[in-house]
Amino acid sequence: MSARTGQVLGLTIAATGLAHFAAPAAFESVTRMAFADDVRNWTYRNGATELAIGLAIAARPTRKAGAAGLAVYAGWLAKRVLSRR
């Protein structure tokens, strides 16, 4: 991944994380699929996680750790959604 691609990807993920705080209602239907209880709290938690992962990916020294975090986070979310079906 080029430095520029990493920065753009990371900042996009971070912006999505921030959006969880700016407009939490926009994420509640998606959040509900994985976390039926306390949806607003989980919306904020997911936003904070995405913000942290995005910033890690955006910075070259932490890019690999951020990418690993993204893979683990995506897998965990997928497991949550699938376990609720």
C-alpha atoms as a PDB file:
ATOM      1  CA  MET A   1       0.000   0.000   0.000  1.00  0.00           C
ATOM      2  CA  SER A   2       1.396   3.366  -0.941  1.00  0.00           C
ATOM      3  CA  ALA A   3       1.789   6.055   1.710  1.00  0.00           C
ATOM      4  CA  ARG A   4      -0.905   8.162   0.053  1.00  0.00           C
ATOM      5  CA  THR A   5      -3.342   5.247  -0.158  1.00  0.00           C
ATOM      6  CA  GLY A   6      -2.761   4.438   3.504  1.00  0.00           C
ATOM      7  CA  GLN A   7      -3.407   8.027   4.505  1.00  0.00           C
ATOM      8  CA  VAL A   8      -6.596   8.302   2.459  1.00  0.00           C
ATOM      9  CA  LEU A   9      -7.915   4.934   3.639  1.00  0.00           C
ATOM     10  CA  GLY A  10      -7.059   5.675   7.256  1.00  0.00           C
ATOM     11  CA  LEU A  11      -8.575   9.135   7.246  1.00  0.00           C
ATOM     12  CA  THR A  12     -11.723   7.803   5.563  1.00  0.00           C
ATOM     13  CA  ILE A  13     -12.138   5.173   8.275  1.00  0.00           C
ATOM     14  CA  ALA A  14     -11.405   7.791  10.963  1.00  0.00           C
ATOM     15  CA  ALA A  15     -13.997  10.146   9.461  1.00  0.00           C
ATOM     16  CA  THR A  16     -16.559   7.346   9.519  1.00  0.00           C
ATOM     17  CA  GLY A  17     -15.731   6.824  13.179  1.00  0.00           C
ATOM     18  CA  LEU A  18     -16.258  10.509  13.914  1.00  0.00           C
ATOM     19  CA  ALA A  19     -19.562  10.409  12.048  1.00  0.00           C
ATOM     20  CA  HIS A  20     -20.818   7.905  14.639  1.00  0.00           C
ATOM     21  CA  PHE A  21     -20.655  10.742  17.165  1.00  0.00           C
ATOM     22  CA  ALA A  22     -21.948  13.503  14.891  1.00  0.00           C
ATOM     23  CA  ALA A  23     -24.943  11.555  13.568  1.00  0.00           C
ATOM     24  CA  PRO A  24     -25.383   8.389  15.672  1.00  0.00           C
ATOM     25  CA  ALA A  25     -28.916   7.756  14.411  1.00  0.00           C
ATOM     26  CA  ALA A  26     -27.512   7.135  10.926  1.00  0.00           C
ATOM     27  CA  PHE A  27     -25.613   4.105  12.247  1.00  0.00           C
ATOM     28  CA  GLU A  28     -28.205   2.633  14.588  1.00  0.00           C
ATOM     29  CA  SER A  29     -29.898   0.303  12.099  1.00  0.00           C
ATOM     30  CA  VAL A  30     -26.539  -1.210  11.161  1.00  0.00           C
ATOM     31  CA  THR A  31     -25.377  -1.366  14.774  1.00  0.00           C
ATOM     32  CA  ARG A  32     -28.613  -3.076  15.809  1.00  0.00           C
ATOM     33  CA  MET A  33     -27.742  -6.025  13.525  1.00  0.00           C
ATOM     34  CA  ALA A  34     -24.801  -6.891  15.789  1.00  0.00           C
ATOM     35  CA  PHE A  35     -25.814  -5.314  19.098  1.00  0.00           C
ATOM     36  CA  ALA A  36     -29.543  -5.384  19.796  1.00  0.00           C
ATOM     37  CA  ASP A  37     -29.127  -4.141  23.365  1.00  0.00           C
ATOM     38  CA  ASP A  38     -27.873  -0.654  24.144  1.00  0.00           C
ATOM     39  CA  VAL A  39     -27.593   0.338  20.487  1.00  0.00           C
ATOM     40  CA  ARG A  40     -26.569   3.958  21.093  1.00  0.00           C
ATOM     41  CA  ASN A  41     -23.742   2.948  23.439  1.00  0.00           C
ATOM     42  CA  TRP A  42     -22.447   0.421  20.889  1.00  0.00           C
ATOM     43  CA  THR A  43     -22.727   3.031  18.150  1.00  0.00           C
ATOM     44  CA  TYR A  44     -20.345   5.237  20.111  1.00  0.00           C
ATOM     45  CA  ARG A  45     -18.022   2.348  20.937  1.00  0.00           C
ATOM     46  CA  ASN A  46     -17.814   1.337  17.295  1.00  0.00           C
ATOM     47  CA  GLY A  47     -17.185   4.942  16.311  1.00  0.00           C
ATOM     48  CA  ALA A  48     -14.302   5.205  18.770  1.00  0.00           C
ATOM     49  CA  THR A  49     -12.849   1.934  17.502  1.00  0.00           C
ATOM     50  CA  GLU A  50     -13.072   3.042  13.874  1.00  0.00           C
ATOM     51  CA  LEU A  51     -11.526   6.398  14.721  1.00  0.00           C
ATOM     52  CA  ALA A  52      -8.567   4.724  16.448  1.00  0.00           C
ATOM     53  CA  ILE A  53      -8.072   2.162  13.679  1.00  0.00           C
ATOM     54  CA  GLY A  54      -8.342   4.815  10.985  1.00  0.00           C
ATOM     55  CA  LEU A  55      -5.759   7.058  12.632  1.00  0.00           C
ATOM     56  CA  ALA A  56      -3.431   4.073  13.064  1.00  0.00           C
ATOM     57  CA  ILE A  57      -3.724   3.225   9.365  1.00  0.00           C
ATOM     58  CA  ALA A  58      -3.194   6.853   8.338  1.00  0.00           C
ATOM     59  CA  ALA A  59       0.171   7.077  10.139  1.00  0.00           C
ATOM     60  CA  ARG A  60       3.013   5.166   8.523  1.00  0.00           C
ATOM     61  CA  PRO A  61       4.635   3.940  11.803  1.00  0.00           C
ATOM     62  CA  THR A  62       1.384   2.310  12.974  1.00  0.00           C
ATOM     63  CA  ARG A  63      -0.084   1.313   9.607  1.00  0.00           C
ATOM     64  CA  LYS A  64       0.548  -2.435   9.964  1.00  0.00           C
ATOM     65  CA  ALA A  65      -0.905  -2.509  13.459  1.00  0.00           C
ATOM     66  CA  GLY A  66      -3.909  -0.519  12.242  1.00  0.00           C
ATOM     67  CA  ALA A  67      -4.459  -2.919   9.344  1.00  0.00           C
ATOM     68  CA  ALA A  68      -4.283  -5.862  11.738  1.00  0.00           C
ATOM     69  CA  GLY A  69      -6.738  -4.098  14.032  1.00  0.00           C
ATOM     70  CA  LEU A  70      -9.085  -3.511  11.116  1.00  0.00           C
ATOM     71  CA  ALA A  71      -8.994  -7.206  10.169  1.00  0.00           C
ATOM     72  CA  VAL A  72      -9.721  -8.298  13.742  1.00  0.00           C
ATOM     73  CA  TYR A  73     -12.473  -5.693  14.167  1.00  0.00           C
ATOM     74  CA  ALA A  74     -14.153  -6.651  10.877  1.00  0.00           C
ATOM     75  CA  GLY A  75     -14.034 -10.336  11.806  1.00  0.00           C
ATOM     76  CA  TRP A  76     -15.444  -9.653  15.251  1.00  0.00           C
ATOM     77  CA  LEU A  77     -18.304  -7.579  13.830  1.00  0.00           C
ATOM     78  CA  ALA A  78     -19.085 -10.262  11.245  1.00  0.00           C
ATOM     79  CA  LYS A  79     -19.181 -12.888  13.990  1.00  0.00           C
ATOM     80  CA  ARG A  80     -21.565 -10.741  16.038  1.00  0.00           C
ATOM     81  CA  VAL A  81     -23.916 -10.259  13.085  1.00  0.00           C
ATOM     82  CA  LEU A  82     -23.873 -13.937  12.126  1.00  0.00           C
ATOM     83  CA  SER A  83     -24.445 -15.102  15.698  1.00  0.00           C
ATOM     84  CA  ARG A  84     -27.634 -13.037  15.902  1.00  0.00           C
ATOM     85  CA  ARG A  85     -29.265 -14.707  12.889  1.00  0.00           C
END
